[in-house]
Amino acid sequence: MKAVLMTAAGNPEVLQLQDIPNPSVPLGETELLIRLQAAGINPIDTKLRKRGTFYPDKMPAILGCDGAGIVEAVGAAVQRFRIGDEVFFCNGGLGAHQGNYAEYTTIDERFAARKPASVSFVEAAAAPLVLITAWEALYERGRLEPGERVLIHAGAGGVGHVAIQLAKLKGAHVCTTVGSQEKADFVKSLGADRAILYKQTDFVQAALDWTGGEGVDLAFDTVGGETLHKTFPAVRVYGDVVTILEPDANTVWKTARQRNLRIGLELMLTPMLQGSVEAQQHQAEILEQCAQWIDGGKLKIQVSKTFPLQEAAKAHQLLETGSMTGKIVLLIGERR
């Protein structure tokens, strides 16, 4: 099969299209062989490419956590899927198990979800990591409740644009930071109640004005760096802050402590890194629920750019510009 191999840590040019053997058959008892149709590109992919994977002794590596494709073969004990079923998932791509920048992969059936019937493989492949991240951050780490007010940073980005929709589905009120009027219009189309043009407006003051001076119940940081501690004054006393980035060593925690904020750290890769079957099954269940919402017209995934598999390096270059709306996807097989 054709696959994009990461031959070493470094610039995008280390991603090389090569011919390698198909995944081994026979399959494990609960494994699926997937003929991949598309693979999502995420910031974790570019970070691992630059610094090296979590398993440097297993090189070269195939990156890509997000995938969507067709079940080509099933293990002897598989119960949930049949040959020909369409699935999507977040699995592999961290350096241990093969990722999805390839024509085929394998996955335990417990970690796969049925692809939403109403969308293409491209949209489905863009969805898993950002959906799980936003779900866990808002619903589990942040304990979001109906009627609460939430501030979502970078609402037009991959995680941000689904976080807005998940917050609205919970019955929350949403304000979000964006960098342009075009992005403001986009997030409002997703249901955001207030778009804050952070380059022109102090987002803390805007959030305080929006909440009558009290502060939001929950702030969701998808940016990191100084954005985390700059957000603390925008959150009500005894409120919640959830970040998907590792807090910077220079983070100033004084305001968070004075306001008695509860800090949540969200890393949706934890189940894969820890080998937790139960947690990975839970993430597949999240995708199953989100698939129902997608098919019901309540949730949508924005794909802004696609590249053929052999241009994975170009996809990484574009993502690293940091100005994307929505997601980037690699095209692998047939699309519809």
C-alpha atoms as a PDB file:
ATOM      1  CA  MET A   1       0.000   0.000   0.000  1.00  0.00           C
ATOM      2  CA  LYS A   2       0.979   3.625  -0.307  1.00  0.00           C
ATOM      3  CA  ALA A   3       1.645   5.480   2.938  1.00  0.00           C
ATOM      4  CA  VAL A   4       3.291   8.704   4.048  1.00  0.00           C
ATOM      5  CA  LEU A   5       6.208   7.838   6.325  1.00  0.00           C
ATOM      6  CA  MET A   6       7.810  10.192   8.805  1.00  0.00           C
ATOM      7  CA  THR A   7      11.449   9.254   8.313  1.00  0.00           C
ATOM      8  CA  ALA A   8      12.848  11.490  11.085  1.00  0.00           C
ATOM      9  CA  ALA A   9      11.832  14.415  13.247  1.00  0.00           C
ATOM     10  CA  GLY A  10      12.035  17.698  11.402  1.00  0.00           C
ATOM     11  CA  ASN A  11      10.456  19.925   8.757  1.00  0.00           C
ATOM     12  CA  PRO A  12       7.484  18.829   6.614  1.00  0.00           C
ATOM     13  CA  GLU A  13       9.898  17.396   4.050  1.00  0.00           C
ATOM     14  CA  VAL A  14      10.505  14.401   6.353  1.00  0.00           C
ATOM     15  CA  LEU A  15       7.051  13.162   5.275  1.00  0.00           C
ATOM     16  CA  GLN A  16       7.658  10.897   2.305  1.00  0.00           C
ATOM     17  CA  LEU A  17       5.186   8.841   0.224  1.00  0.00           C
ATOM     18  CA  GLN A  18       6.394   5.226   0.018  1.00  0.00           C
ATOM     19  CA  ASP A  19       5.149   1.754  -0.852  1.00  0.00           C
ATOM     20  CA  ILE A  20       5.001  -0.507   2.204  1.00  0.00           C
ATOM     21  CA  PRO A  21       3.326  -3.859   2.968  1.00  0.00           C
ATOM     22  CA  ASN A  22      -0.374  -3.902   3.823  1.00  0.00           C
ATOM     23  CA  PRO A  23      -1.281  -4.432   7.507  1.00  0.00           C
ATOM     24  CA  SER A  24      -0.786  -8.036   8.522  1.00  0.00           C
ATOM     25  CA  VAL A  25      -3.568 -10.592   8.068  1.00  0.00           C
ATOM     26  CA  PRO A  26      -5.005 -12.630   9.743  1.00  0.00           C
ATOM     27  CA  LEU A  27      -6.444  -9.989  12.028  1.00  0.00           C
ATOM     28  CA  GLY A  28      -6.747 -10.112  15.778  1.00  0.00           C
ATOM     29  CA  GLU A  29     -10.063 -11.500  16.986  1.00  0.00           C
ATOM     30  CA  THR A  30     -11.718  -8.094  17.457  1.00  0.00           C
ATOM     31  CA  GLU A  31      -9.810  -6.189  14.760  1.00  0.00           C
ATOM     32  CA  LEU A  32     -11.070  -4.507  11.617  1.00  0.00           C
ATOM     33  CA  LEU A  33      -9.076  -3.957   8.441  1.00  0.00           C
ATOM     34  CA  ILE A  34      -9.997  -0.516   7.126  1.00  0.00           C
ATOM     35  CA  ARG A  35      -9.563   0.733   3.575  1.00  0.00           C
ATOM     36  CA  LEU A  36      -9.013   4.389   4.383  1.00  0.00           C
ATOM     37  CA  GLN A  37     -10.752   7.032   2.320  1.00  0.00           C
ATOM     38  CA  ALA A  38      -9.567  10.153   4.144  1.00  0.00           C
ATOM     39  CA  ALA A  39      -7.420  11.220   7.086  1.00  0.00           C
ATOM     40  CA  GLY A  40      -7.755  14.349   9.201  1.00  0.00           C
ATOM     41  CA  ILE A  41      -4.779  16.606   9.910  1.00  0.00           C
ATOM     42  CA  ASN A  42      -4.412  17.915  13.479  1.00  0.00           C
ATOM     43  CA  PRO A  43      -1.880  20.080  15.357  1.00  0.00           C
ATOM     44  CA  ILE A  44      -0.659  16.988  17.240  1.00  0.00           C
ATOM     45  CA  ASP A  45       0.543  15.637  13.874  1.00  0.00           C
ATOM     46  CA  THR A  46       2.748  18.658  13.222  1.00  0.00           C
ATOM     47  CA  LYS A  47       4.062  18.658  16.801  1.00  0.00           C
ATOM     48  CA  LEU A  48       5.064  14.988  16.607  1.00  0.00           C
ATOM     49  CA  ARG A  49       6.647  15.529  13.203  1.00  0.00           C
ATOM     50  CA  LYS A  50       8.766  18.398  14.541  1.00  0.00           C
ATOM     51  CA  ARG A  51       9.858  16.944  17.877  1.00  0.00           C
ATOM     52  CA  GLY A  52       9.514  13.189  17.358  1.00  0.00           C
ATOM     53  CA  THR A  53       6.771  10.735  18.268  1.00  0.00           C
ATOM     54  CA  PHE A  54       5.989   9.329  21.725  1.00  0.00           C
ATOM     55  CA  TYR A  55       7.846   6.157  20.674  1.00  0.00           C
ATOM     56  CA  PRO A  56      11.149   7.259  19.076  1.00  0.00           C
ATOM     57  CA  ASP A  57      12.460   3.688  18.962  1.00  0.00           C
ATOM     58  CA  LYS A  58       9.714   2.784  16.459  1.00  0.00           C
ATOM     59  CA  MET A  59      10.732   4.674  13.343  1.00  0.00           C
ATOM     60  CA  PRO A  60       9.833   5.392  10.629  1.00  0.00           C
ATOM     61  CA  ALA A  61       6.304   6.253  11.748  1.00  0.00           C
ATOM     62  CA  ILE A  62       2.977   6.870  10.051  1.00  0.00           C
ATOM     63  CA  LEU A  63       1.200   9.883  11.537  1.00  0.00           C
ATOM     64  CA  GLY A  64      -2.487  10.746  11.611  1.00  0.00           C
ATOM     65  CA  CYS A  65      -4.913  10.034  14.456  1.00  0.00           C
ATOM     66  CA  ASP A  66      -8.129  10.728  12.538  1.00  0.00           C
ATOM     67  CA  GLY A  67      -9.439   8.408   9.861  1.00  0.00           C
ATOM     68  CA  ALA A  68     -12.547   7.379   7.947  1.00  0.00           C
ATOM     69  CA  GLY A  69     -12.963   4.409   5.665  1.00  0.00           C
ATOM     70  CA  ILE A  70     -14.615   1.133   4.774  1.00  0.00           C
ATOM     71  CA  VAL A  71     -14.363  -2.162   6.641  1.00  0.00           C
ATOM     72  CA  GLU A  72     -12.482  -4.544   4.334  1.00  0.00           C
ATOM     73  CA  ALA A  73     -12.085  -7.548   6.644  1.00  0.00           C
ATOM     74  CA  VAL A  74     -13.075  -8.510  10.186  1.00  0.00           C
ATOM     75  CA  GLY A  75     -11.581 -10.650  12.943  1.00  0.00           C
ATOM     76  CA  ALA A  76     -13.228 -13.876  14.050  1.00  0.00           C
ATOM     77  CA  ALA A  77     -14.898 -12.367  17.122  1.00  0.00           C
ATOM     78  CA  VAL A  78     -16.039  -9.040  15.634  1.00  0.00           C
ATOM     79  CA  GLN A  79     -19.698  -8.382  16.437  1.00  0.00           C
ATOM     80  CA  ARG A  80     -20.454  -4.710  15.774  1.00  0.00           C
ATOM     81  CA  PHE A  81     -19.319  -4.352  12.174  1.00  0.00           C
ATOM     82  CA  ARG A  82     -19.476  -6.185   8.860  1.00  0.00           C
ATOM     83  CA  ILE A  83     -17.462  -5.963   5.654  1.00  0.00           C
ATOM     84  CA  GLY A  84     -18.585  -2.885   3.752  1.00  0.00           C
ATOM     85  CA  ASP A  85     -19.533  -0.820   6.812  1.00  0.00           C
ATOM     86  CA  GLU A  86     -18.350   2.793   6.857  1.00  0.00           C
ATOM     87  CA  VAL A  87     -16.545   3.919  10.005  1.00  0.00           C
ATOM     88  CA  PHE A  88     -14.671   6.873  11.487  1.00  0.00           C
ATOM     89  CA  PHE A  89     -12.329   6.986  14.460  1.00  0.00           C
ATOM     90  CA  CYS A  90      -9.388   8.520  16.284  1.00  0.00           C
ATOM     91  CA  ASN A  91      -6.761   5.803  16.622  1.00  0.00           C
ATOM     92  CA  GLY A  92      -3.014   5.413  16.126  1.00  0.00           C
ATOM     93  CA  GLY A  93      -0.642   7.989  14.740  1.00  0.00           C
ATOM     94  CA  LEU A  94       1.355   8.571  17.932  1.00  0.00           C
ATOM     95  CA  GLY A  95       4.264   6.331  16.987  1.00  0.00           C
ATOM     96  CA  ALA A  96       3.217   2.948  18.401  1.00  0.00           C
ATOM     97  CA  HIS A  97       0.226   1.905  16.295  1.00  0.00           C
ATOM     98  CA  GLN A  98       0.166   2.885  12.623  1.00  0.00           C
ATOM     99  CA  GLY A  99      -1.567   6.169  11.849  1.00  0.00           C
ATOM    100  CA  ASN A 100      -3.923   7.044   9.022  1.00  0.00           C
ATOM    101  CA  TYR A 101      -1.720   8.678   6.388  1.00  0.00           C
ATOM    102  CA  ALA A 102      -2.022   5.413   4.467  1.00  0.00           C
ATOM    103  CA  GLU A 103      -4.336   3.373   2.256  1.00  0.00           C
ATOM    104  CA  TYR A 104      -5.086   0.763   4.928  1.00  0.00           C
ATOM    105  CA  THR A 105      -5.014   0.460   8.691  1.00  0.00           C
ATOM    106  CA  THR A 106      -6.334  -1.824  11.437  1.00  0.00           C
ATOM    107  CA  ILE A 107      -8.369  -0.925  14.517  1.00  0.00           C
ATOM    108  CA  ASP A 108     -10.052  -2.771  17.338  1.00  0.00           C
ATOM    109  CA  GLU A 109     -13.788  -2.677  16.685  1.00  0.00           C
ATOM    110  CA  ARG A 110     -14.350  -1.275  20.180  1.00  0.00           C
ATOM    111  CA  PHE A 111     -12.589   1.953  19.188  1.00  0.00           C
ATOM    112  CA  ALA A 112     -14.465   2.605  15.924  1.00  0.00           C
ATOM    113  CA  ALA A 113     -17.789   4.355  15.351  1.00  0.00           C
ATOM    114  CA  ARG A 114     -20.223   4.228  12.475  1.00  0.00           C
ATOM    115  CA  LYS A 115     -19.626   7.080  10.074  1.00  0.00           C
ATOM    116  CA  PRO A 116     -22.458   9.632   9.861  1.00  0.00           C
ATOM    117  CA  ALA A 117     -24.456   8.614   6.791  1.00  0.00           C
ATOM    118  CA  SER A 118     -25.193  12.178   5.719  1.00  0.00           C
ATOM    119  CA  VAL A 119     -21.610  13.374   5.235  1.00  0.00           C
ATOM    120  CA  SER A 120     -18.648  12.446   3.069  1.00  0.00           C
ATOM    121  CA  PHE A 121     -15.602  10.494   4.205  1.00  0.00           C
ATOM    122  CA  VAL A 122     -13.733  13.807   4.065  1.00  0.00           C
ATOM    123  CA  GLU A 123     -15.981  15.467   6.635  1.00  0.00           C
ATOM    124  CA  ALA A 124     -16.033  12.322   8.769  1.00  0.00           C
ATOM    125  CA  ALA A 125     -12.227  12.108   8.825  1.00  0.00           C
ATOM    126  CA  ALA A 126     -12.016  15.732   9.968  1.00  0.00           C
ATOM    127  CA  ALA A 127     -14.245  15.116  12.970  1.00  0.00           C
ATOM    128  CA  PRO A 128     -13.035  12.611  15.596  1.00  0.00           C
ATOM    129  CA  LEU A 129     -10.196  14.308  17.486  1.00  0.00           C
ATOM    130  CA  VAL A 130     -11.870  17.713  17.641  1.00  0.00           C
ATOM    131  CA  LEU A 131     -15.252  16.279  18.623  1.00  0.00           C
ATOM    132  CA  ILE A 132     -13.800  14.180  21.436  1.00  0.00           C
ATOM    133  CA  THR A 133     -11.599  17.039  22.634  1.00  0.00           C
ATOM    134  CA  ALA A 134     -14.445  19.548  22.767  1.00  0.00           C
ATOM    135  CA  TRP A 135     -16.849  17.026  24.333  1.00  0.00           C
ATOM    136  CA  GLU A 136     -14.439  16.026  27.093  1.00  0.00           C
ATOM    137  CA  ALA A 137     -13.348  19.617  27.742  1.00  0.00           C
ATOM    138  CA  LEU A 138     -16.853  21.074  27.990  1.00  0.00           C
ATOM    139  CA  TYR A 139     -18.988  18.224  29.278  1.00  0.00           C
ATOM    140  CA  GLU A 140     -16.515  16.272  31.424  1.00  0.00           C
ATOM    141  CA  ARG A 141     -13.659  18.547  32.533  1.00  0.00           C
ATOM    142  CA  GLY A 142     -15.747  21.737  32.553  1.00  0.00           C
ATOM    143  CA  ARG A 143     -19.045  20.160  33.711  1.00  0.00           C
ATOM    144  CA  LEU A 144     -21.015  22.535  31.493  1.00  0.00           C
ATOM    145  CA  GLU A 145     -24.695  22.884  32.411  1.00  0.00           C
ATOM    146  CA  PRO A 146     -27.681  24.341  30.524  1.00  0.00           C
ATOM    147  CA  GLY A 147     -27.945  28.110  30.869  1.00  0.00           C
ATOM    148  CA  GLU A 148     -24.284  28.631  31.755  1.00  0.00           C
ATOM    149  CA  ARG A 149     -22.096  31.152  29.961  1.00  0.00           C
ATOM    150  CA  VAL A 150     -18.943  29.926  28.259  1.00  0.00           C
ATOM    151  CA  LEU A 151     -16.008  31.676  26.612  1.00  0.00           C
ATOM    152  CA  ILE A 152     -14.381  29.639  23.834  1.00  0.00           C
ATOM    153  CA  HIS A 153     -11.067  30.831  22.451  1.00  0.00           C
ATOM    154  CA  ALA A 154     -10.366  30.561  18.695  1.00  0.00           C
ATOM    155  CA  GLY A 155     -13.946  29.671  17.879  1.00  0.00           C
ATOM    156  CA  ALA A 156     -13.311  29.399  14.135  1.00  0.00           C
ATOM    157  CA  GLY A 157     -10.571  26.787  14.566  1.00  0.00           C
ATOM    158  CA  GLY A 158     -10.801  23.017  14.420  1.00  0.00           C
ATOM    159  CA  VAL A 159     -11.672  22.416  18.071  1.00  0.00           C
ATOM    160  CA  GLY A 160     -13.333  25.781  18.589  1.00  0.00           C
ATOM    161  CA  HIS A 161     -15.945  25.500  15.854  1.00  0.00           C
ATOM    162  CA  VAL A 162     -17.281  22.196  17.188  1.00  0.00           C
ATOM    163  CA  ALA A 163     -17.012  23.396  20.804  1.00  0.00           C
ATOM    164  CA  ILE A 164     -19.410  26.237  19.990  1.00  0.00           C
ATOM    165  CA  GLN A 165     -21.936  23.765  18.622  1.00  0.00           C
ATOM    166  CA  LEU A 166     -21.586  21.303  21.503  1.00  0.00           C
ATOM    167  CA  ALA A 167     -22.026  24.119  24.022  1.00  0.00           C
ATOM    168  CA  LYS A 168     -25.180  25.286  22.265  1.00  0.00           C
ATOM    169  CA  LEU A 169     -26.501  21.712  22.149  1.00  0.00           C
ATOM    170  CA  LYS A 170     -26.092  21.661  25.941  1.00  0.00           C
ATOM    171  CA  GLY A 171     -28.165  24.840  26.193  1.00  0.00           C
ATOM    172  CA  ALA A 172     -25.301  27.160  27.111  1.00  0.00           C
ATOM    173  CA  HIS A 173     -24.681  30.763  26.040  1.00  0.00           C
ATOM    174  CA  VAL A 174     -21.476  31.202  24.030  1.00  0.00           C
ATOM    175  CA  CYS A 175     -19.045  34.009  23.391  1.00  0.00           C
ATOM    176  CA  THR A 176     -15.885  33.318  21.428  1.00  0.00           C
ATOM    177  CA  THR A 177     -12.710  35.039  20.266  1.00  0.00           C
ATOM    178  CA  VAL A 178     -11.908  35.327  16.555  1.00  0.00           C
ATOM    179  CA  GLY A 179      -9.347  37.171  14.481  1.00  0.00           C
ATOM    180  CA  SER A 180     -11.436  38.635  11.658  1.00  0.00           C
ATOM    181  CA  GLN A 181     -14.934  39.735  10.704  1.00  0.00           C
ATOM    182  CA  GLU A 182     -15.147  36.798   8.286  1.00  0.00           C
ATOM    183  CA  LYS A 183     -14.496  34.414  11.179  1.00  0.00           C
ATOM    184  CA  ALA A 184     -16.984  36.341  13.334  1.00  0.00           C
ATOM    185  CA  ASP A 185     -19.660  35.746  10.724  1.00  0.00           C
ATOM    186  CA  PHE A 186     -18.706  32.058  10.597  1.00  0.00           C
ATOM    187  CA  VAL A 187     -18.969  31.468  14.350  1.00  0.00           C
ATOM    188  CA  LYS A 188     -22.280  33.299  14.529  1.00  0.00           C
ATOM    189  CA  SER A 189     -23.587  30.956  11.835  1.00  0.00           C
ATOM    190  CA  LEU A 190     -22.718  28.103  14.217  1.00  0.00           C
ATOM    191  CA  GLY A 191     -24.770  29.650  17.021  1.00  0.00           C
ATOM    192  CA  ALA A 192     -22.273  31.795  18.927  1.00  0.00           C
ATOM    193  CA  ASP A 193     -24.087  34.551  20.826  1.00  0.00           C
ATOM    194  CA  ARG A 194     -21.140  36.942  20.801  1.00  0.00           C
ATOM    195  CA  ALA A 195     -18.004  37.070  18.635  1.00  0.00           C
ATOM    196  CA  ILE A 196     -15.113  39.032  20.141  1.00  0.00           C
ATOM    197  CA  LEU A 197     -12.568  40.411  17.664  1.00  0.00           C
ATOM    198  CA  TYR A 198      -9.632  39.981  20.025  1.00  0.00           C
ATOM    199  CA  LYS A 199      -7.186  42.001  17.888  1.00  0.00           C
ATOM    200  CA  GLN A 200      -9.373  45.083  18.293  1.00  0.00           C
ATOM    201  CA  THR A 201     -11.115  44.430  21.620  1.00  0.00           C
ATOM    202  CA  ASP A 202      -9.983  43.416  25.105  1.00  0.00           C
ATOM    203  CA  PHE A 203     -11.606  40.000  25.334  1.00  0.00           C
ATOM    204  CA  VAL A 204     -11.628  40.063  29.152  1.00  0.00           C
ATOM    205  CA  GLN A 205     -13.575  43.310  29.261  1.00  0.00           C
ATOM    206  CA  ALA A 206     -15.875  42.080  26.502  1.00  0.00           C
ATOM    207  CA  ALA A 207     -16.625  38.890  28.451  1.00  0.00           C
ATOM    208  CA  LEU A 208     -17.246  40.871  31.646  1.00  0.00           C
ATOM    209  CA  ASP A 209     -19.578  43.272  29.821  1.00  0.00           C
ATOM    210  CA  TRP A 210     -21.409  40.286  28.307  1.00  0.00           C
ATOM    211  CA  THR A 211     -21.967  38.785  31.763  1.00  0.00           C
ATOM    212  CA  GLY A 212     -22.865  41.962  33.617  1.00  0.00           C
ATOM    213  CA  GLY A 213     -19.441  42.157  35.247  1.00  0.00           C
ATOM    214  CA  GLU A 214     -19.597  38.690  36.806  1.00  0.00           C
ATOM    215  CA  GLY A 215     -17.487  36.654  34.375  1.00  0.00           C
ATOM    216  CA  VAL A 216     -18.224  33.481  32.441  1.00  0.00           C
ATOM    217  CA  ASP A 217     -18.986  30.188  34.170  1.00  0.00           C
ATOM    218  CA  LEU A 218     -16.500  28.312  31.987  1.00  0.00           C
ATOM    219  CA  ALA A 219     -13.596  29.376  29.775  1.00  0.00           C
ATOM    220  CA  PHE A 220     -12.182  26.958  27.206  1.00  0.00           C
ATOM    221  CA  ASP A 221      -8.603  27.703  26.127  1.00  0.00           C
ATOM    222  CA  THR A 222      -7.585  26.207  22.783  1.00  0.00           C
ATOM    223  CA  VAL A 223      -4.663  28.618  22.250  1.00  0.00           C
ATOM    224  CA  GLY A 224      -2.294  28.206  25.197  1.00  0.00           C
ATOM    225  CA  GLY A 225       0.643  30.350  26.201  1.00  0.00           C
ATOM    226  CA  GLU A 226      -0.243  33.644  27.862  1.00  0.00           C
ATOM    227  CA  THR A 227      -3.860  33.324  26.718  1.00  0.00           C
ATOM    228  CA  LEU A 228      -4.444  30.959  29.655  1.00  0.00           C
ATOM    229  CA  HIS A 229      -3.573  33.367  32.462  1.00  0.00           C
ATOM    230  CA  LYS A 230      -4.992  36.359  30.603  1.00  0.00           C
ATOM    231  CA  THR A 231      -8.331  34.537  30.655  1.00  0.00           C
ATOM    232  CA  PHE A 232      -8.552  34.123  34.443  1.00  0.00           C
ATOM    233  CA  PRO A 233     -10.091  37.595  35.128  1.00  0.00           C
ATOM    234  CA  ALA A 234     -12.854  36.821  32.589  1.00  0.00           C
ATOM    235  CA  VAL A 235     -14.106  33.858  34.672  1.00  0.00           C
ATOM    236  CA  ARG A 236     -16.487  34.233  37.596  1.00  0.00           C
ATOM    237  CA  VAL A 237     -15.392  33.450  41.142  1.00  0.00           C
ATOM    238  CA  TYR A 238     -15.513  29.656  41.646  1.00  0.00           C
ATOM    239  CA  GLY A 239     -15.751  29.210  37.871  1.00  0.00           C
ATOM    240  CA  ASP A 240     -13.979  26.741  35.581  1.00  0.00           C
ATOM    241  CA  VAL A 241     -11.120  27.012  33.100  1.00  0.00           C
ATOM    242  CA  VAL A 242     -10.199  24.135  30.804  1.00  0.00           C
ATOM    243  CA  THR A 243      -7.136  24.174  28.549  1.00  0.00           C
ATOM    244  CA  ILE A 244      -6.017  21.710  25.892  1.00  0.00           C
ATOM    245  CA  LEU A 245      -2.421  22.950  26.035  1.00  0.00           C
ATOM    246  CA  GLU A 246       0.209  22.282  28.668  1.00  0.00           C
ATOM    247  CA  PRO A 247       0.353  25.416  30.859  1.00  0.00           C
ATOM    248  CA  ASP A 248       3.400  27.515  30.092  1.00  0.00           C
ATOM    249  CA  ALA A 249       6.111  27.738  32.744  1.00  0.00           C
ATOM    250  CA  ASN A 250       5.493  31.500  32.827  1.00  0.00           C
ATOM    251  CA  THR A 251       1.773  31.143  33.598  1.00  0.00           C
ATOM    252  CA  VAL A 252       0.733  33.577  36.350  1.00  0.00           C
ATOM    253  CA  TRP A 253      -1.663  31.730  38.642  1.00  0.00           C
ATOM    254  CA  LYS A 254      -2.390  34.485  41.176  1.00  0.00           C
ATOM    255  CA  THR A 255      -5.742  35.597  39.732  1.00  0.00           C
ATOM    256  CA  ALA A 256      -6.897  31.998  39.334  1.00  0.00           C
ATOM    257  CA  ARG A 257      -6.110  31.343  42.988  1.00  0.00           C
ATOM    258  CA  GLN A 258      -7.751  34.534  44.208  1.00  0.00           C
ATOM    259  CA  ARG A 259     -10.915  33.731  42.248  1.00  0.00           C
ATOM    260  CA  ASN A 260     -10.791  30.089  43.391  1.00  0.00           C
ATOM    261  CA  LEU A 261     -11.000  28.802  39.834  1.00  0.00           C
ATOM    262  CA  ARG A 262     -11.103  25.121  39.064  1.00  0.00           C
ATOM    263  CA  ILE A 263      -8.512  24.285  36.386  1.00  0.00           C
ATOM    264  CA  GLY A 264      -9.086  21.381  34.030  1.00  0.00           C
ATOM    265  CA  LEU A 265      -6.468  19.861  31.721  1.00  0.00           C
ATOM    266  CA  GLU A 266      -7.802  18.124  28.621  1.00  0.00           C
ATOM    267  CA  LEU A 267      -5.765  15.683  26.515  1.00  0.00           C
ATOM    268  CA  MET A 268      -7.961  13.377  24.478  1.00  0.00           C
ATOM    269  CA  LEU A 269      -4.904  11.255  23.607  1.00  0.00           C
ATOM    270  CA  THR A 270      -4.630   9.978  27.190  1.00  0.00           C
ATOM    271  CA  PRO A 271      -6.628   6.742  26.588  1.00  0.00           C
ATOM    272  CA  MET A 272      -4.325   5.779  23.701  1.00  0.00           C
ATOM    273  CA  LEU A 273      -1.165   6.725  25.586  1.00  0.00           C
ATOM    274  CA  GLN A 274      -2.268   4.850  28.724  1.00  0.00           C
ATOM    275  CA  GLY A 275      -3.703   1.865  26.856  1.00  0.00           C
ATOM    276  CA  SER A 276      -7.097   2.272  28.528  1.00  0.00           C
ATOM    277  CA  VAL A 277      -9.594   0.125  26.621  1.00  0.00           C
ATOM    278  CA  GLU A 278     -12.548   1.413  28.642  1.00  0.00           C
ATOM    279  CA  ALA A 279     -11.666   5.067  27.984  1.00  0.00           C
ATOM    280  CA  GLN A 280     -11.137   4.417  24.265  1.00  0.00           C
ATOM    281  CA  GLN A 281     -14.530   2.712  24.111  1.00  0.00           C
ATOM    282  CA  HIS A 282     -16.050   5.759  25.786  1.00  0.00           C
ATOM    283  CA  GLN A 283     -14.526   7.996  23.121  1.00  0.00           C
ATOM    284  CA  ALA A 284     -16.047   5.804  20.401  1.00  0.00           C
ATOM    285  CA  GLU A 285     -19.405   6.234  22.138  1.00  0.00           C
ATOM    286  CA  ILE A 286     -18.915  10.009  22.005  1.00  0.00           C
ATOM    287  CA  LEU A 287     -18.423   9.721  18.244  1.00  0.00           C
ATOM    288  CA  GLU A 288     -21.565   7.582  17.912  1.00  0.00           C
ATOM    289  CA  GLN A 289     -23.620  10.283  19.659  1.00  0.00           C
ATOM    290  CA  CYS A 290     -22.055  13.048  17.594  1.00  0.00           C
ATOM    291  CA  ALA A 291     -22.776  11.065  14.417  1.00  0.00           C
ATOM    292  CA  GLN A 292     -26.466  11.087  15.334  1.00  0.00           C
ATOM    293  CA  TRP A 293     -26.362  14.855  15.792  1.00  0.00           C
ATOM    294  CA  ILE A 294     -24.570  15.282  12.455  1.00  0.00           C
ATOM    295  CA  ASP A 295     -27.166  13.162  10.679  1.00  0.00           C
ATOM    296  CA  GLY A 296     -29.877  15.132  12.466  1.00  0.00           C
ATOM    297  CA  GLY A 297     -28.510  18.425  11.156  1.00  0.00           C
ATOM    298  CA  LYS A 298     -27.566  19.633  14.647  1.00  0.00           C
ATOM    299  CA  LEU A 299     -23.779  19.501  14.219  1.00  0.00           C
ATOM    300  CA  LYS A 300     -21.493  20.157  11.273  1.00  0.00           C
ATOM    301  CA  ILE A 301     -17.796  19.899  10.540  1.00  0.00           C
ATOM    302  CA  GLN A 302     -16.086  22.620   8.536  1.00  0.00           C
ATOM    303  CA  VAL A 303     -13.429  21.376   6.100  1.00  0.00           C
ATOM    304  CA  SER A 304     -11.541  24.290   4.579  1.00  0.00           C
ATOM    305  CA  LYS A 305      -8.879  22.517   2.528  1.00  0.00           C
ATOM    306  CA  THR A 306      -8.067  19.060   1.191  1.00  0.00           C
ATOM    307  CA  PHE A 307      -4.825  17.608  -0.165  1.00  0.00           C
ATOM    308  CA  PRO A 308      -4.048  14.293  -1.866  1.00  0.00           C
ATOM    309  CA  LEU A 309      -2.155  11.817   0.314  1.00  0.00           C
ATOM    310  CA  GLN A 310       1.145  12.502  -1.431  1.00  0.00           C
ATOM    311  CA  GLU A 311       0.941  16.182  -0.451  1.00  0.00           C
ATOM    312  CA  ALA A 312       0.857  15.597   3.311  1.00  0.00           C
ATOM    313  CA  ALA A 313       3.892  17.869   3.693  1.00  0.00           C
ATOM    314  CA  LYS A 314       1.985  20.756   2.083  1.00  0.00           C
ATOM    315  CA  ALA A 315      -0.945  20.109   4.422  1.00  0.00           C
ATOM    316  CA  HIS A 316       1.399  20.368   7.413  1.00  0.00           C
ATOM    317  CA  GLN A 317       2.858  23.611   6.092  1.00  0.00           C
ATOM    318  CA  LEU A 318      -0.594  25.139   5.773  1.00  0.00           C
ATOM    319  CA  LEU A 319      -1.706  24.051   9.237  1.00  0.00           C
ATOM    320  CA  GLU A 320       1.432  25.547  10.767  1.00  0.00           C
ATOM    321  CA  THR A 321       0.496  28.999   9.481  1.00  0.00           C
ATOM    322  CA  GLY A 322      -1.990  29.034  12.372  1.00  0.00           C
ATOM    323  CA  SER A 323      -4.742  30.900  10.524  1.00  0.00           C
ATOM    324  CA  MET A 324      -7.043  28.080   9.477  1.00  0.00           C
ATOM    325  CA  THR A 325     -10.812  28.081   9.738  1.00  0.00           C
ATOM    326  CA  GLY A 326     -12.053  24.544  10.332  1.00  0.00           C
ATOM    327  CA  LYS A 327     -10.046  21.482   9.337  1.00  0.00           C
ATOM    328  CA  ILE A 328      -7.583  20.138   6.725  1.00  0.00           C
ATOM    329  CA  VAL A 329      -8.039  16.621   5.330  1.00  0.00           C
ATOM    330  CA  LEU A 330      -5.938  14.217   3.238  1.00  0.00           C
ATOM    331  CA  LEU A 331      -7.753  12.468   0.379  1.00  0.00           C
ATOM    332  CA  ILE A 332      -6.832   8.806   0.094  1.00  0.00           C
ATOM    333  CA  GLY A 333      -9.498   6.630  -1.590  1.00  0.00           C
ATOM    334  CA  GLU A 334     -12.723   7.191  -3.428  1.00  0.00           C
ATOM    335  CA  ARG A 335     -14.861  10.060  -2.193  1.00  0.00           C
ATOM    336  CA  ARG A 336     -18.554  10.646  -2.429  1.00  0.00           C
END
